[in-house]
Each structure stands twice: as structure tokens, then as C-alpha cells.
């Protein structure tokens, strides 16, 4: 009777990890010989692990990654792709996010830029960072609508609080004056405090010309390119593979 009451109380307190571990201890003879302190420590460990797991799931769900299963361990390092294993290992540590650095991923269509960006974001979520994936064209459309319905400031605040923002398909479409101004607002809120990943078919040295208006281009690139890790991927399109995609 006391056991059932304890389990009910644990679940009422939302300590589901401890409740499951307690039930397992009751059903196992292996833990009966352990001291109370050892058994209690095991319950605490299970609760901490359960909460960590739930948090990671929530972060990954909120990130809305295009390739949610992408992970750094599955990256294809064939010679033709020119990917630096040491750089990728360094990025896996998450220190670049703690230092508010950026990552600029460039290369031809289909070489896996988006997949690698999602793998970096997946790793970030597993380390407790928040992330958000969005295609650049869709972001500008969201911000245009936000201007109209009065939610622009709120949307900017949401983006500013996100530890890692992934802007996919940069420089696919021309930018108008409003889009350039909105982009500057987004990046200005993040410089020195948050990290951004950019994926683009256009090489970084052509971004200034793409942005068009020199003054705004200088301001945008100043906030984006400095303190950035550049990854220029080469090779043929990964989409040409006939086998199921397991690595990128």
C-alpha cells in the first residue's frame, strides 16, 4: 500500500524517471543488497537522465530541422568533398556556439550543405542549445507578414533568443530593400551573443555583390562573416546516389 502511494506521489510531482526506476528496484533482487544512499542515488540519476532526454526531444522538435536525423557521425568524408575532419570535430564540441561564432556552408546544389547544417544543429540540441531552421525566402515572407500584423518585434525577439539560427538557401533570390533591412535587424540582434549557420550555393566572396546596396551589404557582412567558420564543400550531388541516404 505504501509502495503504491509513493509511486502515485512521484508521478504527481512529475518525477516519472524516479517512479520508473523505483518500480524496477522493487522488481529486482539485484538492488536489494545496496545501501539506501546507493539506491536513492540511482533514482536521482534516472530522473536527471529522463529530464535531459525530454529536453533534447523538445529542442529537436522546436528546431524543425529539414533533416532531423542528420548527425555528425554520419558525415561522408570522401576526398572530393574537401571536408576538414579536424574542423568538424571542433564544431562538434559546441564551443563555437558558446563563443557566438557563425558557420558559413557553401557549395554547389546537392552536395549536402543543408544536411550538414542540420547535423550541426542536431548536435547543438543534444548539448542543450536551442535551434531553429528556416529557409531564407520563407523567413523574409514571415517577417513581411509580421510587419503587417504588428508582430514584427515579437518575431525578432524570438529569433534573437535562439542559440543557433540556420538560414538555408541564402542568395537564391534577389533581395529588395525591405528584406535587406530585415536581415540586418535579425543579424544585429545576434552578433556577439548568438550563432548563425548560413548555407548557400554562392561563394562568400560574392555575397557583397549579391546584397547590392553597399552600405547595408557592409553592415550585414560585418555582422556575419567575422568570427565565422567557412566550409566550402565540393563534389557531385549526393542526390545522385541510388541507395537510401544514410550518410552525407
Foldseek 3Di string as FASTA:
>chain_A
DVLVVVLVVCVVVVQVQLSVLVVVCVVDPVCVPPDPVVSVVVSVVSSVVVVLVVQLVVLLVQQPQPCSPQAPVQADPPPQFPDDPVVSVVLLVVVLLVQLFEAEEEAAPQLCRSSVVNNSSSSCSSVPFHHHEDELVVVLVVLVVCVVVVCNVVVLVVLLRHQEYEHEAPLPDADDPSSLVSLLSNLVSRQRNHYYYYYYHDDPVCQCVRNPDNVSSVSNCVSHVPRYHYRYTYDDRPVPDPDDDDHD
